[in-house]
Amino acid sequence: MPEKILASGSLNKEGVDSSVAAILNYDAGKVAILSTHTRATFPNEAFIVGTKGTIKIHSPFWCPTTIETPTKKSEFPVPPCSKTFNHVNSSALSYEAREVRRCLLQ
């Protein structure tokens, strides 16, 4: 849980969030920086930077098929599916659905 949150954003003319930038401060000097915008094209990547190295989560970071460190690149292919989805890599969410099912059955 963040100890402190600094955020700024804007609304569009309909009153819907259109952008936000946030800094989340955690214990021991840990920091998360987030930004999003509905009218700008962002790379949709995520980076984890720590004392032992970095991890790059390729686009789209919410459902990636590739992650990499300075020494290794790992691929996670999207499972084949005959359904049509509105969002890229949606069939990969089947991994999460299977894990939720497994946990519920325990």
PDB file of N, CA and C in Angstrom:
ATOM      1  N   MET A   1       0.840  -1.155   0.000  1.00  0.00           N
ATOM      2  CA  MET A   1       0.000   0.000   0.000  1.00  0.00           C
ATOM      3  C   MET A   1       0.902   1.240   0.000  1.00  0.00           C
ATOM      4  N   PRO A   2       0.655   2.187  -0.896  1.00  0.00           N
ATOM      5  CA  PRO A   2       1.483   3.399  -0.928  1.00  0.00           C
ATOM      6  C   PRO A   2       1.345   4.211   0.360  1.00  0.00           C
ATOM      7  N   GLU A   3       2.448   4.796   0.773  1.00  0.00           N
ATOM      8  CA  GLU A   3       2.421   5.699   1.923  1.00  0.00           C
ATOM      9  C   GLU A   3       1.951   7.089   1.523  1.00  0.00           C
ATOM     10  N   LYS A   4       2.200   7.450   0.253  1.00  0.00           N
ATOM     11  CA  LYS A   4       1.829   8.774  -0.240  1.00  0.00           C
ATOM     12  C   LYS A   4       1.523   8.667  -1.729  1.00  0.00           C
ATOM     13  N   ILE A   5       0.497   9.389  -2.166  1.00  0.00           N
ATOM     14  CA  ILE A   5       0.132   9.413  -3.584  1.00  0.00           C
ATOM     15  C   ILE A   5       0.018  10.860  -4.036  1.00  0.00           C
ATOM     16  N   LEU A   6       0.723  11.196  -5.102  1.00  0.00           N
ATOM     17  CA  LEU A   6       0.593  12.505  -5.747  1.00  0.00           C
ATOM     18  C   LEU A   6       0.018  12.251  -7.135  1.00  0.00           C
ATOM     19  N   ALA A   7      -1.083  12.908  -7.453  1.00  0.00           N
ATOM     20  CA  ALA A   7      -1.712  12.658  -8.752  1.00  0.00           C
ATOM     21  C   ALA A   7      -2.303  13.933  -9.316  1.00  0.00           C
ATOM     22  N   SER A   8      -2.318  14.002 -10.616  1.00  0.00           N
ATOM     23  CA  SER A   8      -2.941  15.116 -11.321  1.00  0.00           C
ATOM     24  C   SER A   8      -3.589  14.552 -12.572  1.00  0.00           C
ATOM     25  N   GLY A   9      -4.751  15.091 -12.922  1.00  0.00           N
ATOM     26  CA  GLY A   9      -5.428  14.591 -14.101  1.00  0.00           C
ATOM     27  C   GLY A   9      -6.321  15.644 -14.709  1.00  0.00           C
ATOM     28  N   SER A  10      -6.987  15.269 -15.779  1.00  0.00           N
ATOM     29  CA  SER A  10      -7.915  16.194 -16.430  1.00  0.00           C
ATOM     30  C   SER A  10      -9.129  15.422 -16.923  1.00  0.00           C
ATOM     31  N   LEU A  11     -10.227  16.153 -17.045  1.00  0.00           N
ATOM     32  CA  LEU A  11     -11.476  15.586 -17.534  1.00  0.00           C
ATOM     33  C   LEU A  11     -11.769  16.132 -18.919  1.00  0.00           C
ATOM     34  N   ASN A  12     -12.462  15.353 -19.732  1.00  0.00           N
ATOM     35  CA  ASN A  12     -12.893  15.874 -21.026  1.00  0.00           C
ATOM     36  C   ASN A  12     -14.200  16.649 -20.840  1.00  0.00           C
ATOM     37  N   LYS A  13     -14.773  17.149 -21.915  1.00  0.00           N
ATOM     38  CA  LYS A  13     -15.962  17.993 -21.789  1.00  0.00           C
ATOM     39  C   LYS A  13     -17.179  17.217 -21.284  1.00  0.00           C
ATOM     40  N   GLU A  14     -17.144  15.881 -21.371  1.00  0.00           N
ATOM     41  CA  GLU A  14     -18.228  15.063 -20.832  1.00  0.00           C
ATOM     42  C   GLU A  14     -18.007  14.716 -19.361  1.00  0.00           C
ATOM     43  N   GLY A  15     -16.882  15.163 -18.799  1.00  0.00           N
ATOM     44  CA  GLY A  15     -16.580  14.886 -17.401  1.00  0.00           C
ATOM     45  C   GLY A  15     -15.918  13.548 -17.153  1.00  0.00           C
ATOM     46  N   VAL A  16     -15.411  12.933 -18.209  1.00  0.00           N
ATOM     47  CA  VAL A  16     -14.740  11.638 -18.103  1.00  0.00           C
ATOM     48  C   VAL A  16     -13.235  11.862 -18.001  1.00  0.00           C
ATOM     49  N   ASP A  17     -12.575  11.072 -17.158  1.00  0.00           N
ATOM     50  CA  ASP A  17     -11.119  11.167 -17.040  1.00  0.00           C
ATOM     51  C   ASP A  17     -10.474  11.016 -18.409  1.00  0.00           C
ATOM     52  N   SER A  18      -9.617  11.965 -18.776  1.00  0.00           N
ATOM     53  CA  SER A  18      -8.915  11.854 -20.056  1.00  0.00           C
ATOM     54  C   SER A  18      -7.413  11.682 -19.874  1.00  0.00           C
ATOM     55  N   SER A  19      -6.886  12.087 -18.735  1.00  0.00           N
ATOM     56  CA  SER A  19      -5.462  11.879 -18.480  1.00  0.00           C
ATOM     57  C   SER A  19      -5.208  11.838 -16.983  1.00  0.00           C
ATOM     58  N   VAL A  20      -4.136  11.162 -16.623  1.00  0.00           N
ATOM     59  CA  VAL A  20      -3.694  11.149 -15.227  1.00  0.00           C
ATOM     60  C   VAL A  20      -2.194  10.856 -15.197  1.00  0.00           C
ATOM     61  N   ALA A  21      -1.538  11.492 -14.267  1.00  0.00           N
ATOM     62  CA  ALA A  21      -0.144  11.186 -13.949  1.00  0.00           C
ATOM     63  C   ALA A  21      -0.090  11.011 -12.439  1.00  0.00           C
ATOM     64  N   ALA A  22       0.589   9.982 -11.976  1.00  0.00           N
ATOM     65  CA  ALA A  22       0.620   9.709 -10.542  1.00  0.00           C
ATOM     66  C   ALA A  22       1.997   9.224 -10.115  1.00  0.00           C
ATOM     67  N   ILE A  23       2.360   9.611  -8.910  1.00  0.00           N
ATOM     68  CA  ILE A  23       3.574   9.122  -8.264  1.00  0.00           C
ATOM     69  C   ILE A  23       3.134   8.466  -6.969  1.00  0.00           C
ATOM     70  N   LEU A  24       3.486   7.204  -6.798  1.00  0.00           N
ATOM     71  CA  LEU A  24       3.147   6.463  -5.595  1.00  0.00           C
ATOM     72  C   LEU A  24       4.430   6.207  -4.821  1.00  0.00           C
ATOM     73  N   ASN A  25       4.480   6.667  -3.591  1.00  0.00           N
ATOM     74  CA  ASN A  25       5.648   6.477  -2.739  1.00  0.00           C
ATOM     75  C   ASN A  25       5.375   5.358  -1.738  1.00  0.00           C
ATOM     76  N   TYR A  26       6.331   4.430  -1.644  1.00  0.00           N
ATOM     77  CA  TYR A  26       6.234   3.296  -0.741  1.00  0.00           C
ATOM     78  C   TYR A  26       7.369   3.360   0.276  1.00  0.00           C
ATOM     79  N   ASP A  27       7.332   2.444   1.242  1.00  0.00           N
ATOM     80  CA  ASP A  27       8.390   2.399   2.248  1.00  0.00           C
ATOM     81  C   ASP A  27       9.743   2.110   1.599  1.00  0.00           C
ATOM     82  N   ALA A  28      10.792   2.393   2.310  1.00  0.00           N
ATOM     83  CA  ALA A  28      12.176   2.138   1.877  1.00  0.00           C
ATOM     84  C   ALA A  28      12.534   2.845   0.569  1.00  0.00           C
ATOM     85  N   GLY A  29      11.861   3.960   0.267  1.00  0.00           N
ATOM     86  CA  GLY A  29      12.202   4.748  -0.910  1.00  0.00           C
ATOM     87  C   GLY A  29      11.703   4.205  -2.235  1.00  0.00           C
ATOM     88  N   LYS A  30      10.841   3.198  -2.208  1.00  0.00           N
ATOM     89  CA  LYS A  30      10.297   2.641  -3.452  1.00  0.00           C
ATOM     90  C   LYS A  30       9.294   3.619  -4.055  1.00  0.00           C
ATOM     91  N   VAL A  31       9.306   3.714  -5.388  1.00  0.00           N
ATOM     92  CA  VAL A  31       8.449   4.668  -6.094  1.00  0.00           C
ATOM     93  C   VAL A  31       7.855   3.997  -7.332  1.00  0.00           C
ATOM     94  N   ALA A  32       6.585   4.285  -7.599  1.00  0.00           N
ATOM     95  CA  ALA A  32       5.950   3.874  -8.858  1.00  0.00           C
ATOM     96  C   ALA A  32       5.480   5.140  -9.556  1.00  0.00           C
ATOM     97  N   ILE A  33       5.712   5.220 -10.857  1.00  0.00           N
ATOM     98  CA  ILE A  33       5.284   6.376 -11.650  1.00  0.00           C
ATOM     99  C   ILE A  33       4.366   5.851 -12.751  1.00  0.00           C
ATOM    100  N   LEU A  34       3.170   6.422 -12.817  1.00  0.00           N
ATOM    101  CA  LEU A  34       2.161   5.959 -13.767  1.00  0.00           C
ATOM    102  C   LEU A  34       1.637   7.131 -14.575  1.00  0.00           C
ATOM    103  N   SER A  35       1.322   6.893 -15.832  1.00  0.00           N
ATOM    104  CA  SER A  35       0.671   7.936 -16.630  1.00  0.00           C
ATOM    105  C   SER A  35      -0.193   7.283 -17.695  1.00  0.00           C
ATOM    106  N   THR A  36      -1.280   7.960 -18.011  1.00  0.00           N
ATOM    107  CA  THR A  36      -2.187   7.477 -19.046  1.00  0.00           C
ATOM    108  C   THR A  36      -2.910   8.659 -19.671  1.00  0.00           C
ATOM    109  N   HIS A  37      -3.362   8.473 -20.883  1.00  0.00           N
ATOM    110  CA  HIS A  37      -4.084   9.542 -21.578  1.00  0.00           C
ATOM    111  C   HIS A  37      -4.959   8.905 -22.647  1.00  0.00           C
ATOM    112  N   THR A  38      -6.177   9.411 -22.803  1.00  0.00           N
ATOM    113  CA  THR A  38      -7.082   8.840 -23.801  1.00  0.00           C
ATOM    114  C   THR A  38      -6.860   9.407 -25.193  1.00  0.00           C
ATOM    115  N   ARG A  39      -6.140  10.515 -25.307  1.00  0.00           N
ATOM    116  CA  ARG A  39      -5.951  11.143 -26.618  1.00  0.00           C
ATOM    117  C   ARG A  39      -4.501  11.125 -27.091  1.00  0.00           C
ATOM    118  N   ALA A  40      -3.636  10.478 -26.363  1.00  0.00           N
ATOM    119  CA  ALA A  40      -2.228  10.396 -26.752  1.00  0.00           C
ATOM    120  C   ALA A  40      -1.868   8.929 -26.971  1.00  0.00           C
ATOM    121  N   THR A  41      -0.917   8.699 -27.843  1.00  0.00           N
ATOM    122  CA  THR A  41      -0.450   7.342 -28.092  1.00  0.00           C
ATOM    123  C   THR A  41       0.767   7.083 -27.213  1.00  0.00           C
ATOM    124  N   PHE A  42       0.602   6.207 -26.251  1.00  0.00           N
ATOM    125  CA  PHE A  42       1.692   5.827 -25.367  1.00  0.00           C
ATOM    126  C   PHE A  42       2.239   4.477 -25.835  1.00  0.00           C
ATOM    127  N   PRO A  43       3.468   4.123 -25.453  1.00  0.00           N
ATOM    128  CA  PRO A  43       4.028   2.849 -25.895  1.00  0.00           C
ATOM    129  C   PRO A  43       3.391   1.628 -25.219  1.00  0.00           C
ATOM    130  N   ASN A  44       2.642   1.813 -24.142  1.00  0.00           N
ATOM    131  CA  ASN A  44       1.970   0.716 -23.429  1.00  0.00           C
ATOM    132  C   ASN A  44       2.934  -0.366 -22.965  1.00  0.00           C
ATOM    133  N   GLU A  45       4.116   0.063 -22.552  1.00  0.00           N
ATOM    134  CA  GLU A  45       5.113  -0.830 -21.976  1.00  0.00           C
ATOM    135  C   GLU A  45       5.216  -0.510 -20.488  1.00  0.00           C
ATOM    136  N   ALA A  46       5.763  -1.455 -19.746  1.00  0.00           N
ATOM    137  CA  ALA A  46       6.017  -1.226 -18.326  1.00  0.00           C
ATOM    138  C   ALA A  46       7.460  -1.621 -18.035  1.00  0.00           C
ATOM    139  N   PHE A  47       8.055  -0.926 -17.101  1.00  0.00           N
ATOM    140  CA  PHE A  47       9.426  -1.213 -16.686  1.00  0.00           C
ATOM    141  C   PHE A  47       9.452  -1.369 -15.179  1.00  0.00           C
ATOM    142  N   ILE A  48      10.152  -2.387 -14.731  1.00  0.00           N
ATOM    143  CA  ILE A  48      10.398  -2.577 -13.308  1.00  0.00           C
ATOM    144  C   ILE A  48      11.892  -2.397 -13.128  1.00  0.00           C
ATOM    145  N   VAL A  49      12.264  -1.428 -12.317  1.00  0.00           N
ATOM    146  CA  VAL A  49      13.671  -1.109 -12.096  1.00  0.00           C
ATOM    147  C   VAL A  49      13.965  -1.289 -10.617  1.00  0.00           C
ATOM    148  N   GLY A  50      14.957  -2.093 -10.308  1.00  0.00           N
ATOM    149  CA  GLY A  50      15.313  -2.344  -8.918  1.00  0.00           C
ATOM    150  C   GLY A  50      16.808  -2.422  -8.738  1.00  0.00           C
ATOM    151  N   THR A  51      17.210  -2.705  -7.528  1.00  0.00           N
ATOM    152  CA  THR A  51      18.639  -2.763  -7.209  1.00  0.00           C
ATOM    153  C   THR A  51      19.334  -3.948  -7.874  1.00  0.00           C
ATOM    154  N   LYS A  52      18.577  -4.976  -8.270  1.00  0.00           N
ATOM    155  CA  LYS A  52      19.176  -6.159  -8.890  1.00  0.00           C
ATOM    156  C   LYS A  52      19.021  -6.187 -10.405  1.00  0.00           C
ATOM    157  N   GLY A  53      18.409  -5.154 -10.985  1.00  0.00           N
ATOM    158  CA  GLY A  53      18.269  -5.131 -12.437  1.00  0.00           C
ATOM    159  C   GLY A  53      16.950  -4.552 -12.891  1.00  0.00           C
ATOM    160  N   THR A  54      16.653  -4.760 -14.169  1.00  0.00           N
ATOM    161  CA  THR A  54      15.431  -4.219 -14.757  1.00  0.00           C
ATOM    162  C   THR A  54      14.670  -5.312 -15.509  1.00  0.00           C
ATOM    163  N   ILE A  55      13.374  -5.107 -15.609  1.00  0.00           N
ATOM    164  CA  ILE A  55      12.513  -5.966 -16.410  1.00  0.00           C
ATOM    165  C   ILE A  55      11.688  -5.050 -17.301  1.00  0.00           C
ATOM    166  N   LYS A  56      11.671  -5.352 -18.586  1.00  0.00           N
ATOM    167  CA  LYS A  56      10.823  -4.624 -19.526  1.00  0.00           C
ATOM    168  C   LYS A  56       9.657  -5.535 -19.889  1.00  0.00           C
ATOM    169  N   ILE A  57       8.446  -5.038 -19.695  1.00  0.00           N
ATOM    170  CA  ILE A  57       7.246  -5.767 -20.078  1.00  0.00           C
ATOM    171  C   ILE A  57       6.743  -5.116 -21.354  1.00  0.00           C
ATOM    172  N   HIS A  58       6.778  -5.866 -22.436  1.00  0.00           N
ATOM    173  CA  HIS A  58       6.436  -5.324 -23.751  1.00  0.00           C
ATOM    174  C   HIS A  58       4.944  -5.007 -23.867  1.00  0.00           C
ATOM    175  N   SER A  59       4.628  -4.210 -24.860  1.00  0.00           N
ATOM    176  CA  SER A  59       3.255  -3.801 -25.140  1.00  0.00           C
ATOM    177  C   SER A  59       2.438  -4.968 -25.677  1.00  0.00           C
ATOM    178  N   PRO A  60       1.193  -5.046 -25.254  1.00  0.00           N
ATOM    179  CA  PRO A  60       0.519  -4.279 -24.223  1.00  0.00           C
ATOM    180  C   PRO A  60       0.841  -4.865 -22.850  1.00  0.00           C
ATOM    181  N   PHE A  61       1.302  -4.028 -21.929  1.00  0.00           N
ATOM    182  CA  PHE A  61       1.803  -4.513 -20.643  1.00  0.00           C
ATOM    183  C   PHE A  61       0.745  -5.242 -19.820  1.00  0.00           C
ATOM    184  N   TRP A  62      -0.536  -4.979 -20.071  1.00  0.00           N
ATOM    185  CA  TRP A  62      -1.593  -5.646 -19.298  1.00  0.00           C
ATOM    186  C   TRP A  62      -1.846  -7.067 -19.793  1.00  0.00           C
ATOM    187  N   CYS A  63      -1.302  -7.409 -20.930  1.00  0.00           N
ATOM    188  CA  CYS A  63      -1.466  -8.760 -21.476  1.00  0.00           C
ATOM    189  C   CYS A  63      -0.303  -9.042 -22.439  1.00  0.00           C
ATOM    190  N   PRO A  64       0.922  -9.037 -21.919  1.00  0.00           N
ATOM    191  CA  PRO A  64       2.099  -9.113 -22.797  1.00  0.00           C
ATOM    192  C   PRO A  64       2.387 -10.526 -23.297  1.00  0.00           C
ATOM    193  N   THR A  65       3.125 -10.586 -24.386  1.00  0.00           N
ATOM    194  CA  THR A  65       3.640 -11.868 -24.867  1.00  0.00           C
ATOM    195  C   THR A  65       5.159 -11.937 -24.723  1.00  0.00           C
ATOM    196  N   THR A  66       5.786 -10.818 -24.341  1.00  0.00           N
ATOM    197  CA  THR A  66       7.242 -10.770 -24.213  1.00  0.00           C
ATOM    198  C   THR A  66       7.639  -9.958 -22.990  1.00  0.00           C
ATOM    199  N   ILE A  67       8.568 -10.506 -22.222  1.00  0.00           N
ATOM    200  CA  ILE A  67       9.228  -9.741 -21.162  1.00  0.00           C
ATOM    201  C   ILE A  67      10.722  -9.946 -21.349  1.00  0.00           C
ATOM    202  N   GLU A  68      11.503  -8.946 -20.937  1.00  0.00           N
ATOM    203  CA  GLU A  68      12.951  -9.120 -21.080  1.00  0.00           C
ATOM    204  C   GLU A  68      13.721  -8.414 -19.980  1.00  0.00           C
ATOM    205  N   THR A  69      14.871  -9.003 -19.702  1.00  0.00           N
ATOM    206  CA  THR A  69      15.852  -8.415 -18.810  1.00  0.00           C
ATOM    207  C   THR A  69      17.063  -8.097 -19.683  1.00  0.00           C
ATOM    208  N   PRO A  70      18.076  -7.463 -19.127  1.00  0.00           N
ATOM    209  CA  PRO A  70      19.264  -7.201 -19.953  1.00  0.00           C
ATOM    210  C   PRO A  70      19.926  -8.471 -20.497  1.00  0.00           C
ATOM    211  N   THR A  71      19.670  -9.623 -19.865  1.00  0.00           N
ATOM    212  CA  THR A  71      20.344 -10.853 -20.291  1.00  0.00           C
ATOM    213  C   THR A  71      19.431 -11.914 -20.890  1.00  0.00           C
ATOM    214  N   LYS A  72      18.112 -11.712 -20.832  1.00  0.00           N
ATOM    215  CA  LYS A  72      17.205 -12.764 -21.300  1.00  0.00           C
ATOM    216  C   LYS A  72      15.896 -12.169 -21.813  1.00  0.00           C
ATOM    217  N   LYS A  73      15.388 -12.774 -22.879  1.00  0.00           N
ATOM    218  CA  LYS A  73      14.087 -12.396 -23.428  1.00  0.00           C
ATOM    219  C   LYS A  73      13.193 -13.630 -23.371  1.00  0.00           C
ATOM    220  N   SER A  74      12.011 -13.497 -22.776  1.00  0.00           N
ATOM    221  CA  SER A  74      11.084 -14.618 -22.650  1.00  0.00           C
ATOM    222  C   SER A  74       9.808 -14.329 -23.420  1.00  0.00           C
ATOM    223  N   GLU A  75       9.355 -15.336 -24.162  1.00  0.00           N
ATOM    224  CA  GLU A  75       8.141 -15.214 -24.979  1.00  0.00           C
ATOM    225  C   GLU A  75       7.034 -16.072 -24.372  1.00  0.00           C
ATOM    226  N   PHE A  76       5.833 -15.543 -24.385  1.00  0.00           N
ATOM    227  CA  PHE A  76       4.655 -16.233 -23.886  1.00  0.00           C
ATOM    228  C   PHE A  76       3.579 -16.148 -24.962  1.00  0.00           C
ATOM    229  N   PRO A  77       3.534 -17.116 -25.866  1.00  0.00           N
ATOM    230  CA  PRO A  77       2.594 -17.025 -26.979  1.00  0.00           C
ATOM    231  C   PRO A  77       1.141 -17.006 -26.513  1.00  0.00           C
ATOM    232  N   VAL A  78       0.333 -16.268 -27.242  1.00  0.00           N
ATOM    233  CA  VAL A  78      -1.098 -16.207 -26.963  1.00  0.00           C
ATOM    234  C   VAL A  78      -1.706 -17.537 -27.394  1.00  0.00           C
ATOM    235  N   PRO A  79      -2.538 -18.145 -26.538  1.00  0.00           N
ATOM    236  CA  PRO A  79      -3.132 -19.417 -26.938  1.00  0.00           C
ATOM    237  C   PRO A  79      -4.073 -19.239 -28.130  1.00  0.00           C
ATOM    238  N   PRO A  80      -4.108 -20.211 -29.020  1.00  0.00           N
ATOM    239  CA  PRO A  80      -5.003 -20.094 -30.177  1.00  0.00           C
ATOM    240  C   PRO A  80      -6.462 -20.095 -29.729  1.00  0.00           C
ATOM    241  N   CYS A  81      -7.274 -19.351 -30.449  1.00  0.00           N
ATOM    242  CA  CYS A  81      -8.691 -19.258 -30.107  1.00  0.00           C
ATOM    243  C   CYS A  81      -9.481 -18.917 -31.366  1.00  0.00           C
ATOM    244  N   SER A  82     -10.624 -19.529 -31.515  1.00  0.00           N
ATOM    245  CA  SER A  82     -11.456 -19.265 -32.691  1.00  0.00           C
ATOM    246  C   SER A  82     -12.362 -18.050 -32.504  1.00  0.00           C
ATOM    247  N   LYS A  83     -12.443 -17.527 -31.294  1.00  0.00           N
ATOM    248  CA  LYS A  83     -13.296 -16.372 -30.998  1.00  0.00           C
ATOM    249  C   LYS A  83     -12.622 -15.078 -31.447  1.00  0.00           C
ATOM    250  N   THR A  84     -13.437 -14.054 -31.694  1.00  0.00           N
ATOM    251  CA  THR A  84     -12.940 -12.718 -32.013  1.00  0.00           C
ATOM    252  C   THR A  84     -13.077 -11.853 -30.771  1.00  0.00           C
ATOM    253  N   PHE A  85     -12.012 -11.134 -30.426  1.00  0.00           N
ATOM    254  CA  PHE A  85     -12.016 -10.276 -29.242  1.00  0.00           C
ATOM    255  C   PHE A  85     -11.861  -8.819 -29.651  1.00  0.00           C
ATOM    256  N   ASN A  86     -12.304  -7.933 -28.781  1.00  0.00           N
ATOM    257  CA  ASN A  86     -12.174  -6.496 -29.028  1.00  0.00           C
ATOM    258  C   ASN A  86     -10.782  -5.971 -28.694  1.00  0.00           C
ATOM    259  N   HIS A  87     -10.063  -6.678 -27.834  1.00  0.00           N
ATOM    260  CA  HIS A  87      -8.762  -6.189 -27.366  1.00  0.00           C
ATOM    261  C   HIS A  87      -7.667  -7.206 -27.678  1.00  0.00           C
ATOM    262  N   VAL A  88      -6.512  -6.696 -28.029  1.00  0.00           N
ATOM    263  CA  VAL A  88      -5.372  -7.524 -28.404  1.00  0.00           C
ATOM    264  C   VAL A  88      -4.993  -8.488 -27.270  1.00  0.00           C
ATOM    265  N   ASN A  89      -4.624  -9.697 -27.646  1.00  0.00           N
ATOM    266  CA  ASN A  89      -4.140 -10.738 -26.735  1.00  0.00           C
ATOM    267  C   ASN A  89      -5.162 -11.180 -25.690  1.00  0.00           C
ATOM    268  N   SER A  90      -6.432 -10.896 -25.894  1.00  0.00           N
ATOM    269  CA  SER A  90      -7.449 -11.242 -24.895  1.00  0.00           C
ATOM    270  C   SER A  90      -7.509 -12.732 -24.593  1.00  0.00           C
ATOM    271  N   SER A  91      -7.229 -13.570 -25.568  1.00  0.00           N
ATOM    272  CA  SER A  91      -7.300 -15.010 -25.294  1.00  0.00           C
ATOM    273  C   SER A  91      -6.260 -15.437 -24.262  1.00  0.00           C
ATOM    274  N   ALA A  92      -5.214 -14.652 -24.073  1.00  0.00           N
ATOM    275  CA  ALA A  92      -4.206 -14.972 -23.058  1.00  0.00           C
ATOM    276  C   ALA A  92      -4.765 -14.840 -21.644  1.00  0.00           C
ATOM    277  N   LEU A  93      -5.874 -14.143 -21.495  1.00  0.00           N
ATOM    278  CA  LEU A  93      -6.485 -14.028 -20.170  1.00  0.00           C
ATOM    279  C   LEU A  93      -7.037 -15.372 -19.698  1.00  0.00           C
ATOM    280  N   SER A  94      -7.067 -16.358 -20.574  1.00  0.00           N
ATOM    281  CA  SER A  94      -7.510 -17.691 -20.166  1.00  0.00           C
ATOM    282  C   SER A  94      -6.587 -18.260 -19.090  1.00  0.00           C
ATOM    283  N   TYR A  95      -5.309 -17.866 -19.083  1.00  0.00           N
ATOM    284  CA  TYR A  95      -4.390 -18.301 -18.031  1.00  0.00           C
ATOM    285  C   TYR A  95      -4.885 -17.828 -16.666  1.00  0.00           C
ATOM    286  N   GLU A  96      -5.284 -16.560 -16.586  1.00  0.00           N
ATOM    287  CA  GLU A  96      -5.799 -16.023 -15.335  1.00  0.00           C
ATOM    288  C   GLU A  96      -7.101 -16.706 -14.942  1.00  0.00           C
ATOM    289  N   ALA A  97      -7.972 -16.932 -15.909  1.00  0.00           N
ATOM    290  CA  ALA A  97      -9.252 -17.586 -15.622  1.00  0.00           C
ATOM    291  C   ALA A  97      -9.028 -18.992 -15.063  1.00  0.00           C
ATOM    292  N   ARG A  98      -8.080 -19.724 -15.639  1.00  0.00           N
ATOM    293  CA  ARG A  98      -7.777 -21.068 -15.131  1.00  0.00           C
ATOM    294  C   ARG A  98      -7.235 -21.019 -13.706  1.00  0.00           C
ATOM    295  N   GLU A  99      -6.387 -20.029 -13.425  1.00  0.00           N
ATOM    296  CA  GLU A  99      -5.823 -19.916 -12.079  1.00  0.00           C
ATOM    297  C   GLU A  99      -6.900 -19.542 -11.069  1.00  0.00           C
ATOM    298  N   VAL A 100      -7.802 -18.635 -11.425  1.00  0.00           N
ATOM    299  CA  VAL A 100      -8.916 -18.286 -10.528  1.00  0.00           C
ATOM    300  C   VAL A 100      -9.750 -19.531 -10.243  1.00  0.00           C
ATOM    301  N   ARG A 101     -10.046 -20.293 -11.279  1.00  0.00           N
ATOM    302  CA  ARG A 101     -10.821 -21.524 -11.095  1.00  0.00           C
ATOM    303  C   ARG A 101     -10.095 -22.482 -10.160  1.00  0.00           C
ATOM    304  N   ARG A 102      -8.798 -22.654 -10.371  1.00  0.00           N
ATOM    305  CA  ARG A 102      -8.009 -23.552  -9.513  1.00  0.00           C
ATOM    306  C   ARG A 102      -8.087 -23.118  -8.061  1.00  0.00           C
ATOM    307  N   CYS A 103      -7.943 -21.809  -7.814  1.00  0.00           N
ATOM    308  CA  CYS A 103      -7.985 -21.287  -6.440  1.00  0.00           C
ATOM    309  C   CYS A 103      -9.367 -21.477  -5.814  1.00  0.00           C
ATOM    310  N   LEU A 104     -10.415 -21.261  -6.588  1.00  0.00           N
ATOM    311  CA  LEU A 104     -11.772 -21.418  -6.064  1.00  0.00           C
ATOM    312  C   LEU A 104     -12.093 -22.869  -5.717  1.00  0.00           C
ATOM    313  N   LEU A 105     -11.504 -23.792  -6.440  1.00  0.00           N
ATOM    314  CA  LEU A 105     -11.760 -25.209  -6.189  1.00  0.00           C
ATOM    315  C   LEU A 105     -10.968 -25.760  -5.007  1.00  0.00           C
ATOM    316  N   GLN A 106     -10.010 -25.033  -4.499  1.00  0.00           N
ATOM    317  CA  GLN A 106      -9.196 -25.510  -3.360  1.00  0.00           C
ATOM    318  C   GLN A 106      -9.973 -25.451  -2.069  1.00  0.00           C
TER     319      GLN A 106
END
